[in-house]
């Protein structure tokens, strides 16, 4: 296995546990974590000893999505935000595609808040075990950008268009109990056992017929996510266009100044 700065990788028998490990900044997607997650997933996918995976986050958050500080730095440096987001979104979308194409089943241990592109990571897993304290928080509209990570497809297919519209457009958060009732997660457990419960589910999957599970996942991909890569490319292009607008700069400024944005 490779050496990682933003990930913890541990094998529990036939189950590989991947932990997003930048808890002080809520496990964001950035130019360090993105390539490392892709590499770790590809390594797991090619390892015949790995029969299932668990993906979780260290600390209070599963993932806060894009690194807002890096966004602010890009704005301050004079770099055109669309260029920054083009590369970042492409990285995120490659990680989503890799998750869905893995032959092994993946269980998300949703340990806390998940926002932005992190939602794509969570919902691209095959099963989700959530902490009672987990919260889905879209966040995009607050900084005047549109969703990414395939979440427009993933959320809409799970929730329907009305609930998805409220989630994204009104930036309505969804708590763990509601997420279970609406089909976003499979189980809700106490925070201290969320990883153990996800590992137990993964161990059960690891004992199953690997080829049949891989074929089942491939058929589900074809039935439900056949156009996911097209959706993600459309999301990437939209994000790039919006990030070059004045409203994005205002949204980022308001975020750091802890005030409501004044969009044009």
C-alpha atoms as a PDB file:
ATOM      1  CA  UNK A   1       0.000   0.000   0.000  1.00  0.00           C
ATOM      2  CA  UNK A   2       1.113   3.547  -0.674  1.00  0.00           C
ATOM      3  CA  UNK A   3       2.145   6.123   1.912  1.00  0.00           C
ATOM      4  CA  UNK A   4      -0.496   8.806   2.450  1.00  0.00           C
ATOM      5  CA  UNK A   5      -0.573  12.219   4.119  1.00  0.00           C
ATOM      6  CA  UNK A   6      -4.345  12.767   4.091  1.00  0.00           C
ATOM      7  CA  UNK A   7      -5.581   9.192   4.477  1.00  0.00           C
ATOM      8  CA  UNK A   8      -5.317   6.379   6.990  1.00  0.00           C
ATOM      9  CA  UNK A   9      -5.391   2.915   5.430  1.00  0.00           C
ATOM     10  CA  UNK A  10      -5.899  -0.195   7.528  1.00  0.00           C
ATOM     11  CA  UNK A  11      -6.822  -3.778   6.682  1.00  0.00           C
ATOM     12  CA  UNK A  12      -9.253  -5.593   8.948  1.00  0.00           C
ATOM     13  CA  UNK A  13      -8.951  -9.049   7.470  1.00  0.00           C
ATOM     14  CA  UNK A  14     -10.554  -8.892   3.999  1.00  0.00           C
ATOM     15  CA  UNK A  15     -11.978  -5.402   4.659  1.00  0.00           C
ATOM     16  CA  UNK A  16      -9.941  -2.271   3.924  1.00  0.00           C
ATOM     17  CA  UNK A  17     -10.746   0.763   6.058  1.00  0.00           C
ATOM     18  CA  UNK A  18     -10.023   4.153   4.458  1.00  0.00           C
ATOM     19  CA  UNK A  19     -10.220   7.171   6.758  1.00  0.00           C
ATOM     20  CA  UNK A  20     -10.142  10.730   5.421  1.00  0.00           C
ATOM     21  CA  UNK A  21      -7.643  12.207   7.831  1.00  0.00           C
ATOM     22  CA  UNK A  22      -7.608  16.004   7.898  1.00  0.00           C
ATOM     23  CA  UNK A  23     -10.003  16.448  10.829  1.00  0.00           C
ATOM     24  CA  UNK A  24      -8.831  19.961  11.710  1.00  0.00           C
ATOM     25  CA  UNK A  25     -10.174  21.227   8.353  1.00  0.00           C
ATOM     26  CA  UNK A  26     -13.095  18.775   8.053  1.00  0.00           C
ATOM     27  CA  UNK A  27     -11.507  16.335   5.606  1.00  0.00           C
ATOM     28  CA  UNK A  28     -11.858  18.445   2.451  1.00  0.00           C
ATOM     29  CA  UNK A  29     -11.283  17.654  -1.175  1.00  0.00           C
ATOM     30  CA  UNK A  30      -8.086  19.407  -2.253  1.00  0.00           C
ATOM     31  CA  UNK A  31      -5.027  18.807  -4.382  1.00  0.00           C
ATOM     32  CA  UNK A  32      -3.570  16.574  -1.678  1.00  0.00           C
ATOM     33  CA  UNK A  33      -6.542  14.476  -0.644  1.00  0.00           C
ATOM     34  CA  UNK A  34      -8.085  13.997  -4.091  1.00  0.00           C
ATOM     35  CA  UNK A  35      -5.185  12.161  -5.758  1.00  0.00           C
ATOM     36  CA  UNK A  36      -4.514  10.167  -2.604  1.00  0.00           C
ATOM     37  CA  UNK A  37      -8.096   8.912  -2.374  1.00  0.00           C
ATOM     38  CA  UNK A  38      -8.083   7.948  -6.051  1.00  0.00           C
ATOM     39  CA  UNK A  39      -4.794   6.081  -5.606  1.00  0.00           C
ATOM     40  CA  UNK A  40      -6.021   4.269  -2.493  1.00  0.00           C
ATOM     41  CA  UNK A  41      -9.252   3.212  -4.210  1.00  0.00           C
ATOM     42  CA  UNK A  42      -7.413   1.988  -7.294  1.00  0.00           C
ATOM     43  CA  UNK A  43      -4.967   0.018  -5.131  1.00  0.00           C
ATOM     44  CA  UNK A  44      -7.854  -1.594  -3.271  1.00  0.00           C
ATOM     45  CA  UNK A  45      -9.675  -2.406  -6.491  1.00  0.00           C
ATOM     46  CA  UNK A  46      -6.626  -4.233  -7.844  1.00  0.00           C
ATOM     47  CA  UNK A  47      -5.944  -6.203  -4.635  1.00  0.00           C
ATOM     48  CA  UNK A  48      -7.615  -9.651  -4.662  1.00  0.00           C
ATOM     49  CA  UNK A  49      -7.242  -9.859  -0.879  1.00  0.00           C
ATOM     50  CA  UNK A  50      -9.570  -6.877  -0.400  1.00  0.00           C
ATOM     51  CA  UNK A  51     -13.166  -8.127  -0.527  1.00  0.00           C
ATOM     52  CA  UNK A  52     -14.945  -4.992   0.757  1.00  0.00           C
ATOM     53  CA  UNK A  53     -14.132  -1.424   1.821  1.00  0.00           C
ATOM     54  CA  UNK A  54     -15.273   1.055   4.462  1.00  0.00           C
ATOM     55  CA  UNK A  55     -14.869   4.789   3.865  1.00  0.00           C
ATOM     56  CA  UNK A  56     -15.107   7.192   6.813  1.00  0.00           C
ATOM     57  CA  UNK A  57     -13.755  10.488   8.112  1.00  0.00           C
ATOM     58  CA  UNK A  58     -11.703  11.400  11.164  1.00  0.00           C
ATOM     59  CA  UNK A  59     -13.077  13.883  13.683  1.00  0.00           C
ATOM     60  CA  UNK A  60     -16.472  15.574  13.672  1.00  0.00           C
ATOM     61  CA  UNK A  61     -17.019  15.641   9.905  1.00  0.00           C
ATOM     62  CA  UNK A  62     -17.058  13.015   7.196  1.00  0.00           C
ATOM     63  CA  UNK A  63     -16.070  15.641   4.631  1.00  0.00           C
ATOM     64  CA  UNK A  64     -16.730  19.344   4.233  1.00  0.00           C
ATOM     65  CA  UNK A  65     -16.351  19.150   0.459  1.00  0.00           C
ATOM     66  CA  UNK A  66     -14.074  21.607  -1.321  1.00  0.00           C
ATOM     67  CA  UNK A  67     -11.414  23.371   0.709  1.00  0.00           C
ATOM     68  CA  UNK A  68     -12.852  26.891   1.100  1.00  0.00           C
ATOM     69  CA  UNK A  69      -9.509  28.307   2.226  1.00  0.00           C
ATOM     70  CA  UNK A  70      -7.916  27.115  -1.004  1.00  0.00           C
ATOM     71  CA  UNK A  71     -10.778  28.751  -2.917  1.00  0.00           C
ATOM     72  CA  UNK A  72     -10.097  32.028  -1.144  1.00  0.00           C
ATOM     73  CA  UNK A  73      -6.369  31.727  -1.839  1.00  0.00           C
ATOM     74  CA  UNK A  74      -7.099  31.173  -5.531  1.00  0.00           C
ATOM     75  CA  UNK A  75      -9.250  34.306  -5.599  1.00  0.00           C
ATOM     76  CA  UNK A  76      -6.613  36.327  -3.773  1.00  0.00           C
ATOM     77  CA  UNK A  77      -3.813  35.174  -6.059  1.00  0.00           C
ATOM     78  CA  UNK A  78      -5.582  36.443  -9.148  1.00  0.00           C
ATOM     79  CA  UNK A  79      -6.028  32.934 -10.558  1.00  0.00           C
ATOM     80  CA  UNK A  80      -9.219  32.683 -12.549  1.00  0.00           C
ATOM     81  CA  UNK A  81     -11.545  30.646 -10.287  1.00  0.00           C
ATOM     82  CA  UNK A  82     -12.915  28.706 -13.247  1.00  0.00           C
ATOM     83  CA  UNK A  83      -9.475  27.205 -13.842  1.00  0.00           C
ATOM     84  CA  UNK A  84      -9.134  26.275 -10.163  1.00  0.00           C
ATOM     85  CA  UNK A  85     -12.542  24.576 -10.129  1.00  0.00           C
ATOM     86  CA  UNK A  86     -12.084  22.853 -13.463  1.00  0.00           C
ATOM     87  CA  UNK A  87      -9.154  20.842 -12.156  1.00  0.00           C
ATOM     88  CA  UNK A  88     -10.637  20.279  -8.700  1.00  0.00           C
ATOM     89  CA  UNK A  89     -14.011  19.110 -10.005  1.00  0.00           C
ATOM     90  CA  UNK A  90     -12.331  16.791 -12.502  1.00  0.00           C
ATOM     91  CA  UNK A  91     -10.404  15.245  -9.611  1.00  0.00           C
ATOM     92  CA  UNK A  92     -13.554  14.851  -7.522  1.00  0.00           C
ATOM     93  CA  UNK A  93     -15.427  13.277 -10.399  1.00  0.00           C
ATOM     94  CA  UNK A  94     -12.639  10.817 -11.102  1.00  0.00           C
ATOM     95  CA  UNK A  95     -12.804   9.698  -7.471  1.00  0.00           C
ATOM     96  CA  UNK A  96     -16.603   9.261  -7.746  1.00  0.00           C
ATOM     97  CA  UNK A  97     -16.227   7.205 -10.921  1.00  0.00           C
ATOM     98  CA  UNK A  98     -13.549   5.077  -9.254  1.00  0.00           C
ATOM     99  CA  UNK A  99     -15.803   4.421  -6.260  1.00  0.00           C
ATOM    100  CA  UNK A 100     -18.676   3.290  -8.473  1.00  0.00           C
ATOM    101  CA  UNK A 101     -16.456   1.123 -10.694  1.00  0.00           C
ATOM    102  CA  UNK A 102     -14.749  -0.761  -7.879  1.00  0.00           C
ATOM    103  CA  UNK A 103     -15.630  -4.451  -8.078  1.00  0.00           C
ATOM    104  CA  UNK A 104     -15.820  -4.604  -4.289  1.00  0.00           C
ATOM    105  CA  UNK A 105     -18.771  -3.252  -2.309  1.00  0.00           C
ATOM    106  CA  UNK A 106     -18.057  -0.070  -0.340  1.00  0.00           C
ATOM    107  CA  UNK A 107     -19.744   0.868   2.934  1.00  0.00           C
ATOM    108  CA  UNK A 108     -19.722   4.494   4.073  1.00  0.00           C
ATOM    109  CA  UNK A 109     -19.393   5.068   7.817  1.00  0.00           C
ATOM    110  CA  UNK A 110     -20.923   8.545   7.844  1.00  0.00           C
ATOM    111  CA  UNK A 111     -19.443   9.814  11.085  1.00  0.00           C
ATOM    112  CA  UNK A 112     -20.587  13.447  11.006  1.00  0.00           C
ATOM    113  CA  UNK A 113     -21.407  16.405   8.803  1.00  0.00           C
ATOM    114  CA  UNK A 114     -21.078  15.886   5.069  1.00  0.00           C
ATOM    115  CA  UNK A 115     -21.169  18.843   2.711  1.00  0.00           C
ATOM    116  CA  UNK A 116     -20.431  19.810  -0.884  1.00  0.00           C
ATOM    117  CA  UNK A 117     -18.488  17.250  -2.855  1.00  0.00           C
ATOM    118  CA  UNK A 118     -18.274  15.035   0.210  1.00  0.00           C
ATOM    119  CA  UNK A 119     -21.925  14.185  -0.410  1.00  0.00           C
ATOM    120  CA  UNK A 120     -20.867  12.603  -3.691  1.00  0.00           C
ATOM    121  CA  UNK A 121     -18.284  10.479  -1.877  1.00  0.00           C
ATOM    122  CA  UNK A 122     -20.824   9.292   0.691  1.00  0.00           C
ATOM    123  CA  UNK A 123     -23.636   8.506  -1.725  1.00  0.00           C
ATOM    124  CA  UNK A 124     -21.342   6.812  -4.233  1.00  0.00           C
ATOM    125  CA  UNK A 125     -20.764   4.098  -1.655  1.00  0.00           C
ATOM    126  CA  UNK A 126     -23.023   1.077  -1.969  1.00  0.00           C
ATOM    127  CA  UNK A 127     -24.350   1.209   1.589  1.00  0.00           C
ATOM    128  CA  UNK A 128     -24.327   3.982   4.195  1.00  0.00           C
ATOM    129  CA  UNK A 129     -24.252   3.522   7.973  1.00  0.00           C
ATOM    130  CA  UNK A 130     -24.727   6.946   9.561  1.00  0.00           C
ATOM    131  CA  UNK A 131     -24.025   8.378  12.977  1.00  0.00           C
ATOM    132  CA  UNK A 132     -27.038   9.832  14.745  1.00  0.00           C
ATOM    133  CA  UNK A 133     -25.145  13.165  14.557  1.00  0.00           C
ATOM    134  CA  UNK A 134     -24.588  13.004  10.796  1.00  0.00           C
ATOM    135  CA  UNK A 135     -26.011  15.876   8.752  1.00  0.00           C
ATOM    136  CA  UNK A 136     -26.228  16.395   4.986  1.00  0.00           C
ATOM    137  CA  UNK A 137     -25.490  20.062   4.265  1.00  0.00           C
ATOM    138  CA  UNK A 138     -25.305  21.052   0.559  1.00  0.00           C
ATOM    139  CA  UNK A 139     -23.684  24.476   1.076  1.00  0.00           C
ATOM    140  CA  UNK A 140     -23.353  25.335  -2.620  1.00  0.00           C
ATOM    141  CA  UNK A 141     -25.885  28.152  -2.874  1.00  0.00           C
ATOM    142  CA  UNK A 142     -24.331  29.917   0.114  1.00  0.00           C
ATOM    143  CA  UNK A 143     -21.222  30.595  -1.969  1.00  0.00           C
ATOM    144  CA  UNK A 144     -23.159  31.049  -5.250  1.00  0.00           C
ATOM    145  CA  UNK A 145     -22.070  27.880  -7.042  1.00  0.00           C
ATOM    146  CA  UNK A 146     -23.915  24.807  -8.304  1.00  0.00           C
ATOM    147  CA  UNK A 147     -23.568  21.199  -7.097  1.00  0.00           C
ATOM    148  CA  UNK A 148     -20.853  18.762  -8.119  1.00  0.00           C
ATOM    149  CA  UNK A 149     -19.763  15.228  -7.327  1.00  0.00           C
ATOM    150  CA  UNK A 150     -22.705  13.760  -9.218  1.00  0.00           C
ATOM    151  CA  UNK A 151     -24.957  14.855  -6.387  1.00  0.00           C
ATOM    152  CA  UNK A 152     -27.618  16.335  -8.676  1.00  0.00           C
ATOM    153  CA  UNK A 153     -28.180  12.803  -9.998  1.00  0.00           C
ATOM    154  CA  UNK A 154     -27.600  10.928  -6.740  1.00  0.00           C
ATOM    155  CA  UNK A 155     -29.805  13.142  -4.565  1.00  0.00           C
ATOM    156  CA  UNK A 156     -32.603  13.556  -7.108  1.00  0.00           C
ATOM    157  CA  UNK A 157     -32.877   9.828  -7.787  1.00  0.00           C
ATOM    158  CA  UNK A 158     -33.068   9.106  -4.071  1.00  0.00           C
ATOM    159  CA  UNK A 159     -35.284  11.994  -2.928  1.00  0.00           C
ATOM    160  CA  UNK A 160     -37.293  13.073  -5.957  1.00  0.00           C
ATOM    161  CA  UNK A 161     -37.194  16.474  -7.589  1.00  0.00           C
ATOM    162  CA  UNK A 162     -39.162  18.443  -4.953  1.00  0.00           C
ATOM    163  CA  UNK A 163     -37.033  17.399  -2.002  1.00  0.00           C
ATOM    164  CA  UNK A 164     -33.868  17.691  -4.081  1.00  0.00           C
ATOM    165  CA  UNK A 165     -34.824  21.222  -5.121  1.00  0.00           C
ATOM    166  CA  UNK A 166     -35.358  22.287  -1.505  1.00  0.00           C
ATOM    167  CA  UNK A 167     -32.094  20.630  -0.486  1.00  0.00           C
ATOM    168  CA  UNK A 168     -29.992  22.395  -3.108  1.00  0.00           C
ATOM    169  CA  UNK A 169     -31.838  25.660  -3.756  1.00  0.00           C
ATOM    170  CA  UNK A 170     -32.839  26.488  -0.177  1.00  0.00           C
ATOM    171  CA  UNK A 171     -29.722  24.836   1.250  1.00  0.00           C
ATOM    172  CA  UNK A 172     -31.899  22.794   3.609  1.00  0.00           C
ATOM    173  CA  UNK A 173     -29.909  20.426   5.793  1.00  0.00           C
ATOM    174  CA  UNK A 174     -31.046  16.823   6.327  1.00  0.00           C
ATOM    175  CA  UNK A 175     -30.424  15.157   9.686  1.00  0.00           C
ATOM    176  CA  UNK A 176     -29.648  11.460  10.100  1.00  0.00           C
ATOM    177  CA  UNK A 177     -33.166  10.352  11.042  1.00  0.00           C
ATOM    178  CA  UNK A 178     -34.682  12.143   8.047  1.00  0.00           C
ATOM    179  CA  UNK A 179     -31.936  10.798   5.785  1.00  0.00           C
ATOM    180  CA  UNK A 180     -32.857   7.264   6.806  1.00  0.00           C
ATOM    181  CA  UNK A 181     -36.584   7.888   6.344  1.00  0.00           C
ATOM    182  CA  UNK A 182     -35.939   9.326   2.868  1.00  0.00           C
ATOM    183  CA  UNK A 183     -33.583   6.563   1.769  1.00  0.00           C
ATOM    184  CA  UNK A 184     -30.262   8.419   1.810  1.00  0.00           C
ATOM    185  CA  UNK A 185     -28.773   6.060   4.410  1.00  0.00           C
ATOM    186  CA  UNK A 186     -29.386   2.432   5.348  1.00  0.00           C
ATOM    187  CA  UNK A 187     -28.942   2.581   9.115  1.00  0.00           C
ATOM    188  CA  UNK A 188     -28.517   5.160  11.874  1.00  0.00           C
ATOM    189  CA  UNK A 189     -26.460   4.241  14.947  1.00  0.00           C
ATOM    190  CA  UNK A 190     -24.820   5.969  17.884  1.00  0.00           C
ATOM    191  CA  UNK A 191     -21.703   7.996  16.992  1.00  0.00           C
ATOM    192  CA  UNK A 192     -19.290   5.850  18.963  1.00  0.00           C
ATOM    193  CA  UNK A 193     -20.163   2.665  17.050  1.00  0.00           C
ATOM    194  CA  UNK A 194     -20.632   3.958  13.500  1.00  0.00           C
ATOM    195  CA  UNK A 195     -17.297   2.638  12.203  1.00  0.00           C
ATOM    196  CA  UNK A 196     -17.710  -0.698  13.989  1.00  0.00           C
ATOM    197  CA  UNK A 197     -21.202  -1.132  12.537  1.00  0.00           C
ATOM    198  CA  UNK A 198     -19.978  -0.271   9.043  1.00  0.00           C
ATOM    199  CA  UNK A 199     -17.106  -2.731   9.424  1.00  0.00           C
ATOM    200  CA  UNK A 200     -19.556  -5.438  10.496  1.00  0.00           C
ATOM    201  CA  UNK A 201     -21.629  -4.849   7.350  1.00  0.00           C
ATOM    202  CA  UNK A 202     -18.460  -4.896   5.234  1.00  0.00           C
ATOM    203  CA  UNK A 203     -17.281  -8.129   6.864  1.00  0.00           C
ATOM    204  CA  UNK A 204     -20.621  -9.712   5.969  1.00  0.00           C
ATOM    205  CA  UNK A 205     -20.213  -8.575   2.367  1.00  0.00           C
ATOM    206  CA  UNK A 206     -16.620  -9.835   2.316  1.00  0.00           C
ATOM    207  CA  UNK A 207     -17.891 -13.350   3.037  1.00  0.00           C
ATOM    208  CA  UNK A 208     -20.240 -13.227   0.059  1.00  0.00           C
ATOM    209  CA  UNK A 209     -19.573 -14.362  -3.514  1.00  0.00           C
ATOM    210  CA  UNK A 210     -17.179 -11.738  -4.861  1.00  0.00           C
ATOM    211  CA  UNK A 211     -17.960 -12.192  -8.555  1.00  0.00           C
ATOM    212  CA  UNK A 212     -21.726 -12.133  -8.023  1.00  0.00           C
ATOM    213  CA  UNK A 213     -21.438  -8.998  -5.884  1.00  0.00           C
ATOM    214  CA  UNK A 214     -19.269  -7.290  -8.518  1.00  0.00           C
ATOM    215  CA  UNK A 215     -21.747  -8.170 -11.276  1.00  0.00           C
ATOM    216  CA  UNK A 216     -24.671  -6.956  -9.161  1.00  0.00           C
ATOM    217  CA  UNK A 217     -22.901  -3.647  -8.603  1.00  0.00           C
ATOM    218  CA  UNK A 218     -22.173  -3.346 -12.328  1.00  0.00           C
ATOM    219  CA  UNK A 219     -25.836  -3.953 -13.167  1.00  0.00           C
ATOM    220  CA  UNK A 220     -26.951  -1.347 -10.620  1.00  0.00           C
ATOM    221  CA  UNK A 221     -24.480   1.100 -12.148  1.00  0.00           C
ATOM    222  CA  UNK A 222     -25.924   0.447 -15.590  1.00  0.00           C
ATOM    223  CA  UNK A 223     -29.527   0.730 -14.410  1.00  0.00           C
ATOM    224  CA  UNK A 224     -29.211   3.791 -12.192  1.00  0.00           C
ATOM    225  CA  UNK A 225     -25.973   5.589 -13.040  1.00  0.00           C
ATOM    226  CA  UNK A 226     -25.492   5.009 -16.755  1.00  0.00           C
ATOM    227  CA  UNK A 227     -25.340   8.750 -17.376  1.00  0.00           C
ATOM    228  CA  UNK A 228     -23.467   9.705 -14.196  1.00  0.00           C
ATOM    229  CA  UNK A 229     -20.284  10.740 -15.997  1.00  0.00           C
ATOM    230  CA  UNK A 230     -22.271  13.008 -18.335  1.00  0.00           C
ATOM    231  CA  UNK A 231     -24.036  14.548 -15.332  1.00  0.00           C
ATOM    232  CA  UNK A 232     -20.704  15.174 -13.611  1.00  0.00           C
ATOM    233  CA  UNK A 233     -19.216  16.827 -16.705  1.00  0.00           C
ATOM    234  CA  UNK A 234     -22.234  19.137 -16.898  1.00  0.00           C
ATOM    235  CA  UNK A 235     -21.783  19.905 -13.191  1.00  0.00           C
ATOM    236  CA  UNK A 236     -18.085  20.678 -13.730  1.00  0.00           C
ATOM    237  CA  UNK A 237     -18.802  23.112 -16.552  1.00  0.00           C
ATOM    238  CA  UNK A 238     -21.532  24.858 -14.567  1.00  0.00           C
ATOM    239  CA  UNK A 239     -19.277  25.179 -11.522  1.00  0.00           C
ATOM    240  CA  UNK A 240     -16.508  26.713 -13.616  1.00  0.00           C
ATOM    241  CA  UNK A 241     -18.825  29.303 -15.144  1.00  0.00           C
ATOM    242  CA  UNK A 242     -20.387  30.302 -11.811  1.00  0.00           C
ATOM    243  CA  UNK A 243     -17.074  30.566  -9.968  1.00  0.00           C
ATOM    244  CA  UNK A 244     -16.012  33.325 -12.351  1.00  0.00           C
ATOM    245  CA  UNK A 245     -19.025  35.465 -11.384  1.00  0.00           C
ATOM    246  CA  UNK A 246     -18.895  38.272  -8.752  1.00  0.00           C
ATOM    247  CA  UNK A 247     -21.424  36.421  -6.581  1.00  0.00           C
ATOM    248  CA  UNK A 248     -18.880  33.673  -5.908  1.00  0.00           C
ATOM    249  CA  UNK A 249     -16.307  36.152  -4.593  1.00  0.00           C
ATOM    250  CA  UNK A 250     -19.018  37.680  -2.392  1.00  0.00           C
ATOM    251  CA  UNK A 251     -20.041  34.244  -1.108  1.00  0.00           C
ATOM    252  CA  UNK A 252     -16.474  33.384  -0.135  1.00  0.00           C
ATOM    253  CA  UNK A 253     -15.959  36.772   1.547  1.00  0.00           C
ATOM    254  CA  UNK A 254     -19.192  36.366   3.515  1.00  0.00           C
ATOM    255  CA  UNK A 255     -18.160  32.864   4.608  1.00  0.00           C
ATOM    256  CA  UNK A 256     -14.962  34.109   6.224  1.00  0.00           C
ATOM    257  CA  UNK A 257     -16.558  37.266   7.610  1.00  0.00           C
ATOM    258  CA  UNK A 258     -19.342  35.156   9.153  1.00  0.00           C
ATOM    259  CA  UNK A 259     -22.147  37.208   7.637  1.00  0.00           C
ATOM    260  CA  UNK A 260     -24.941  36.742   5.146  1.00  0.00           C
ATOM    261  CA  UNK A 261     -23.826  37.304   1.566  1.00  0.00           C
ATOM    262  CA  UNK A 262     -25.186  40.218  -0.433  1.00  0.00           C
ATOM    263  CA  UNK A 263     -25.587  38.681  -3.872  1.00  0.00           C
ATOM    264  CA  UNK A 264     -25.979  40.906  -6.912  1.00  0.00           C
END
